[in-house]
Amino acid sequence: RGQCAELCGRDHGFMPIVVKGVTEPEYAEWVAKKKTDLAAAAASGDREWTKDELIAKGKDVYANTCAACHQPNGQGLPPAFPELAGSKIVNGPLLSADGKLIKDSHVDRVMNGKPGTAMQAFKNTLSDVDLAAVITFERNSFGNTQGDMIQPAQIKALR
């Protein structure tokens, strides 16, 4: 038993951890399952998702990844954690007209974070599907009505 030593969000210094020792066969089974899960996630990033599918998936990603700071209702805890409801960034353009990343856009902020703030980069911790889903969810929730979406394949191309 221990506690988290990484500053990755509110109250993470109080987050307890448990290390579980297992036999080699149990570990090998766990690794095999993780590899299967990763392969399935990678394959799902290549198909075209509907907006409703992305929003449903994004709701789960948001609840597990973003809600601790930005609150379940998107109201945030300003000034450290800005509100997403009515946000200029969330309601701004997704990408440039030619499909390129716009600095300080919603996609840029979620993928690359914002240095000097608590907003971490999720490019290396969330899958293409999870990134596309949470961005689509945020743009179409909390009173934000952009009506648009971003596909996992677009996120993959931006990496």
C-alpha atoms as a PDB file:
ATOM      1  CA  ARG A   1       0.000   0.000   0.000  1.00  0.00           C
ATOM      2  CA  GLY A   2       1.082   3.565  -0.634  1.00  0.00           C
ATOM      3  CA  GLN A   3      -0.094   6.859  -2.052  1.00  0.00           C
ATOM      4  CA  CYS A   4       0.270   8.637  -5.377  1.00  0.00           C
ATOM      5  CA  ALA A   5       3.316  10.888  -5.686  1.00  0.00           C
ATOM      6  CA  GLU A   6       2.431  12.299  -9.126  1.00  0.00           C
ATOM      7  CA  LEU A   7       0.793  15.720  -9.350  1.00  0.00           C
ATOM      8  CA  CYS A   8      -1.711  14.957 -12.093  1.00  0.00           C
ATOM      9  CA  GLY A   9      -4.880  16.459 -10.737  1.00  0.00           C
ATOM     10  CA  ARG A  10      -6.808  17.609  -7.728  1.00  0.00           C
ATOM     11  CA  ASP A  11      -6.249  15.529  -4.569  1.00  0.00           C
ATOM     12  CA  HIS A  12      -3.978  13.007  -6.279  1.00  0.00           C
ATOM     13  CA  GLY A  13      -1.505  13.394  -3.418  1.00  0.00           C
ATOM     14  CA  PHE A  14      -4.132  11.673  -1.268  1.00  0.00           C
ATOM     15  CA  MET A  15      -4.865   8.893  -3.750  1.00  0.00           C
ATOM     16  CA  PRO A  16      -4.087   5.506  -2.216  1.00  0.00           C
ATOM     17  CA  ILE A  17      -2.444   2.824  -4.313  1.00  0.00           C
ATOM     18  CA  VAL A  18      -2.168  -0.922  -3.841  1.00  0.00           C
ATOM     19  CA  VAL A  19       0.445  -3.089  -5.510  1.00  0.00           C
ATOM     20  CA  LYS A  20      -0.729  -6.628  -6.098  1.00  0.00           C
ATOM     21  CA  GLY A  21       1.844  -9.393  -6.465  1.00  0.00           C
ATOM     22  CA  VAL A  22       0.720 -12.267  -8.684  1.00  0.00           C
ATOM     23  CA  THR A  23       2.197 -15.462 -10.072  1.00  0.00           C
ATOM     24  CA  GLU A  24       3.920 -15.449 -13.463  1.00  0.00           C
ATOM     25  CA  PRO A  25       1.024 -17.290 -15.161  1.00  0.00           C
ATOM     26  CA  GLU A  26      -1.475 -14.745 -13.785  1.00  0.00           C
ATOM     27  CA  TYR A  27       0.734 -11.883 -14.979  1.00  0.00           C
ATOM     28  CA  ALA A  28       1.136 -13.472 -18.438  1.00  0.00           C
ATOM     29  CA  GLU A  29      -2.644 -13.851 -18.677  1.00  0.00           C
ATOM     30  CA  TRP A  30      -3.117 -10.180 -17.707  1.00  0.00           C
ATOM     31  CA  VAL A  31      -0.538  -9.042 -20.293  1.00  0.00           C
ATOM     32  CA  ALA A  32      -2.214 -11.122 -23.017  1.00  0.00           C
ATOM     33  CA  LYS A  33      -5.614  -9.599 -22.189  1.00  0.00           C
ATOM     34  CA  LYS A  34      -4.154  -6.081 -22.250  1.00  0.00           C
ATOM     35  CA  LYS A  35      -2.577  -6.749 -25.669  1.00  0.00           C
ATOM     36  CA  THR A  36      -5.913  -8.010 -26.999  1.00  0.00           C
ATOM     37  CA  ASP A  37      -7.685  -4.949 -25.581  1.00  0.00           C
ATOM     38  CA  LEU A  38      -5.097  -2.591 -27.134  1.00  0.00           C
ATOM     39  CA  ALA A  39      -5.389  -4.286 -30.536  1.00  0.00           C
ATOM     40  CA  ALA A  40      -9.185  -3.990 -30.405  1.00  0.00           C
ATOM     41  CA  ALA A  41      -8.939  -0.313 -29.409  1.00  0.00           C
ATOM     42  CA  ALA A  42      -6.517   0.405 -32.260  1.00  0.00           C
ATOM     43  CA  ALA A  43      -8.812  -1.304 -34.782  1.00  0.00           C
ATOM     44  CA  SER A  44     -11.833   0.642 -33.527  1.00  0.00           C
ATOM     45  CA  GLY A  45      -9.968   3.876 -34.243  1.00  0.00           C
ATOM     46  CA  ASP A  46      -9.938   3.135 -37.970  1.00  0.00           C
ATOM     47  CA  ARG A  47     -13.694   2.857 -38.415  1.00  0.00           C
ATOM     48  CA  GLU A  48     -16.047   5.785 -38.836  1.00  0.00           C
ATOM     49  CA  TRP A  49     -18.029   6.505 -35.676  1.00  0.00           C
ATOM     50  CA  THR A  50     -21.430   8.185 -35.502  1.00  0.00           C
ATOM     51  CA  LYS A  51     -21.788  11.311 -33.411  1.00  0.00           C
ATOM     52  CA  ASP A  52     -24.079   9.483 -30.985  1.00  0.00           C
ATOM     53  CA  GLU A  53     -21.507   6.692 -30.526  1.00  0.00           C
ATOM     54  CA  LEU A  54     -18.750   9.233 -29.859  1.00  0.00           C
ATOM     55  CA  ILE A  55     -20.895  11.175 -27.390  1.00  0.00           C
ATOM     56  CA  ALA A  56     -21.836   8.006 -25.479  1.00  0.00           C
ATOM     57  CA  LYS A  57     -18.202   6.890 -25.302  1.00  0.00           C
ATOM     58  CA  GLY A  58     -17.075  10.435 -24.505  1.00  0.00           C
ATOM     59  CA  LYS A  59     -19.464  10.663 -21.565  1.00  0.00           C
ATOM     60  CA  ASP A  60     -17.656   7.719 -19.940  1.00  0.00           C
ATOM     61  CA  VAL A  61     -14.204   9.096 -20.751  1.00  0.00           C
ATOM     62  CA  TYR A  62     -15.190  12.483 -19.332  1.00  0.00           C
ATOM     63  CA  ALA A  63     -16.549  10.936 -16.124  1.00  0.00           C
ATOM     64  CA  ASN A  64     -13.359   8.938 -15.587  1.00  0.00           C
ATOM     65  CA  THR A  65     -10.783  11.477 -16.753  1.00  0.00           C
ATOM     66  CA  CYS A  66     -12.059  15.055 -16.770  1.00  0.00           C
ATOM     67  CA  ALA A  67     -14.863  15.369 -14.219  1.00  0.00           C
ATOM     68  CA  ALA A  68     -12.547  15.488 -11.194  1.00  0.00           C
ATOM     69  CA  CYS A  69     -11.265  18.897 -12.302  1.00  0.00           C
ATOM     70  CA  HIS A  70     -13.957  20.260 -14.616  1.00  0.00           C
ATOM     71  CA  GLN A  71     -16.813  18.810 -12.503  1.00  0.00           C
ATOM     72  CA  PRO A  72     -19.493  16.365 -13.713  1.00  0.00           C
ATOM     73  CA  ASN A  73     -21.614  19.307 -14.925  1.00  0.00           C
ATOM     74  CA  GLY A  74     -18.767  21.034 -16.823  1.00  0.00           C
ATOM     75  CA  GLN A  75     -18.803  24.069 -14.489  1.00  0.00           C
ATOM     76  CA  GLY A  76     -15.166  23.612 -13.412  1.00  0.00           C
ATOM     77  CA  LEU A  77     -13.554  25.159 -10.351  1.00  0.00           C
ATOM     78  CA  PRO A  78     -12.287  28.521 -11.654  1.00  0.00           C
ATOM     79  CA  PRO A  79      -9.669  29.810 -11.847  1.00  0.00           C
ATOM     80  CA  ALA A  80      -7.617  26.598 -11.589  1.00  0.00           C
ATOM     81  CA  PHE A  81     -10.061  24.435 -13.545  1.00  0.00           C
ATOM     82  CA  PRO A  82     -12.038  26.459 -16.103  1.00  0.00           C
ATOM     83  CA  GLU A  83     -15.633  25.719 -16.901  1.00  0.00           C
ATOM     84  CA  LEU A  84     -16.320  23.903 -20.154  1.00  0.00           C
ATOM     85  CA  ALA A  85     -19.926  25.077 -20.358  1.00  0.00           C
ATOM     86  CA  GLY A  86     -19.864  28.046 -22.729  1.00  0.00           C
ATOM     87  CA  SER A  87     -16.062  27.908 -23.025  1.00  0.00           C
ATOM     88  CA  LYS A  88     -14.476  29.837 -25.917  1.00  0.00           C
ATOM     89  CA  ILE A  89     -12.068  26.957 -26.442  1.00  0.00           C
ATOM     90  CA  VAL A  90     -14.695  24.198 -26.405  1.00  0.00           C
ATOM     91  CA  ASN A  91     -16.945  26.227 -28.703  1.00  0.00           C
ATOM     92  CA  GLY A  92     -14.135  27.354 -31.014  1.00  0.00           C
ATOM     93  CA  PRO A  93     -13.023  25.670 -34.221  1.00  0.00           C
ATOM     94  CA  LEU A  94     -11.957  22.022 -34.103  1.00  0.00           C
ATOM     95  CA  LEU A  95      -9.317  22.128 -36.835  1.00  0.00           C
ATOM     96  CA  SER A  96      -8.168  24.458 -39.588  1.00  0.00           C
ATOM     97  CA  ALA A  97      -9.938  24.322 -42.962  1.00  0.00           C
ATOM     98  CA  ASP A  98      -7.212  21.996 -44.256  1.00  0.00           C
ATOM     99  CA  GLY A  99      -7.504  19.644 -41.247  1.00  0.00           C
ATOM    100  CA  LYS A 100      -4.468  20.894 -39.338  1.00  0.00           C
ATOM    101  CA  LEU A 101      -4.238  21.508 -35.608  1.00  0.00           C
ATOM    102  CA  ILE A 102      -4.971  25.078 -34.502  1.00  0.00           C
ATOM    103  CA  LYS A 103      -2.889  26.289 -31.551  1.00  0.00           C
ATOM    104  CA  ASP A 104      -5.020  26.666 -28.408  1.00  0.00           C
ATOM    105  CA  SER A 105      -8.023  24.988 -30.047  1.00  0.00           C
ATOM    106  CA  HIS A 106     -10.116  22.448 -28.191  1.00  0.00           C
ATOM    107  CA  VAL A 107      -8.301  19.547 -29.872  1.00  0.00           C
ATOM    108  CA  ASP A 108      -4.890  21.096 -29.132  1.00  0.00           C
ATOM    109  CA  ARG A 109      -5.774  21.716 -25.471  1.00  0.00           C
ATOM    110  CA  VAL A 110      -6.991  18.161 -24.831  1.00  0.00           C
ATOM    111  CA  MET A 111      -4.125  16.533 -26.729  1.00  0.00           C
ATOM    112  CA  ASN A 112      -1.255  18.796 -25.624  1.00  0.00           C
ATOM    113  CA  GLY A 113      -2.469  20.377 -22.384  1.00  0.00           C
ATOM    114  CA  LYS A 114      -1.509  23.893 -21.330  1.00  0.00           C
ATOM    115  CA  PRO A 115       1.960  24.396 -19.849  1.00  0.00           C
ATOM    116  CA  GLY A 116       2.054  26.218 -16.543  1.00  0.00           C
ATOM    117  CA  THR A 117      -1.443  25.093 -15.572  1.00  0.00           C
ATOM    118  CA  ALA A 118      -3.056  21.965 -14.164  1.00  0.00           C
ATOM    119  CA  MET A 119      -4.285  21.013 -17.668  1.00  0.00           C
ATOM    120  CA  GLN A 120      -2.218  18.012 -18.599  1.00  0.00           C
ATOM    121  CA  ALA A 121      -1.663  16.581 -22.072  1.00  0.00           C
ATOM    122  CA  PHE A 122      -3.734  13.487 -22.813  1.00  0.00           C
ATOM    123  CA  LYS A 123      -2.131  12.657 -26.176  1.00  0.00           C
ATOM    124  CA  ASN A 124       0.001   9.911 -24.639  1.00  0.00           C
ATOM    125  CA  THR A 125      -2.524   8.563 -22.141  1.00  0.00           C
ATOM    126  CA  LEU A 126      -5.812   8.372 -24.064  1.00  0.00           C
ATOM    127  CA  SER A 127      -6.466   6.403 -27.245  1.00  0.00           C
ATOM    128  CA  ASP A 128      -7.509   8.025 -30.526  1.00  0.00           C
ATOM    129  CA  VAL A 129     -11.072   6.845 -29.852  1.00  0.00           C
ATOM    130  CA  ASP A 130     -11.083   8.234 -26.301  1.00  0.00           C
ATOM    131  CA  LEU A 131      -9.707  11.606 -27.428  1.00  0.00           C
ATOM    132  CA  ALA A 132     -12.206  11.947 -30.279  1.00  0.00           C
ATOM    133  CA  ALA A 133     -15.047  10.815 -28.034  1.00  0.00           C
ATOM    134  CA  VAL A 134     -14.349  13.167 -25.125  1.00  0.00           C
ATOM    135  CA  ILE A 135     -13.827  16.161 -27.430  1.00  0.00           C
ATOM    136  CA  THR A 136     -17.077  15.390 -29.272  1.00  0.00           C
ATOM    137  CA  PHE A 137     -18.897  14.915 -25.952  1.00  0.00           C
ATOM    138  CA  GLU A 138     -17.671  18.223 -24.514  1.00  0.00           C
ATOM    139  CA  ARG A 139     -18.659  20.132 -27.671  1.00  0.00           C
ATOM    140  CA  ASN A 140     -22.180  18.739 -27.481  1.00  0.00           C
ATOM    141  CA  SER A 141     -22.820  18.789 -23.704  1.00  0.00           C
ATOM    142  CA  PHE A 142     -23.140  21.252 -20.814  1.00  0.00           C
ATOM    143  CA  GLY A 143     -25.161  23.602 -23.016  1.00  0.00           C
ATOM    144  CA  ASN A 144     -22.485  23.573 -25.740  1.00  0.00           C
ATOM    145  CA  THR A 145     -24.275  22.856 -28.999  1.00  0.00           C
ATOM    146  CA  GLN A 146     -21.589  22.788 -31.670  1.00  0.00           C
ATOM    147  CA  GLY A 147     -23.226  19.816 -33.385  1.00  0.00           C
ATOM    148  CA  ASP A 148     -19.858  18.739 -34.779  1.00  0.00           C
ATOM    149  CA  MET A 149     -17.557  15.836 -34.073  1.00  0.00           C
ATOM    150  CA  ILE A 150     -14.031  14.630 -34.682  1.00  0.00           C
ATOM    151  CA  GLN A 151     -13.223  11.111 -35.825  1.00  0.00           C
ATOM    152  CA  PRO A 152     -10.555   8.907 -34.210  1.00  0.00           C
ATOM    153  CA  ALA A 153      -8.830   8.691 -37.609  1.00  0.00           C
ATOM    154  CA  GLN A 154      -8.423  12.486 -37.557  1.00  0.00           C
ATOM    155  CA  ILE A 155      -6.847  12.321 -34.091  1.00  0.00           C
ATOM    156  CA  LYS A 156      -4.531   9.559 -35.327  1.00  0.00           C
ATOM    157  CA  ALA A 157      -3.428  11.771 -38.238  1.00  0.00           C
ATOM    158  CA  LEU A 158      -2.707  14.667 -35.860  1.00  0.00           C
ATOM    159  CA  ARG A 159      -0.353  12.634 -33.623  1.00  0.00           C
END
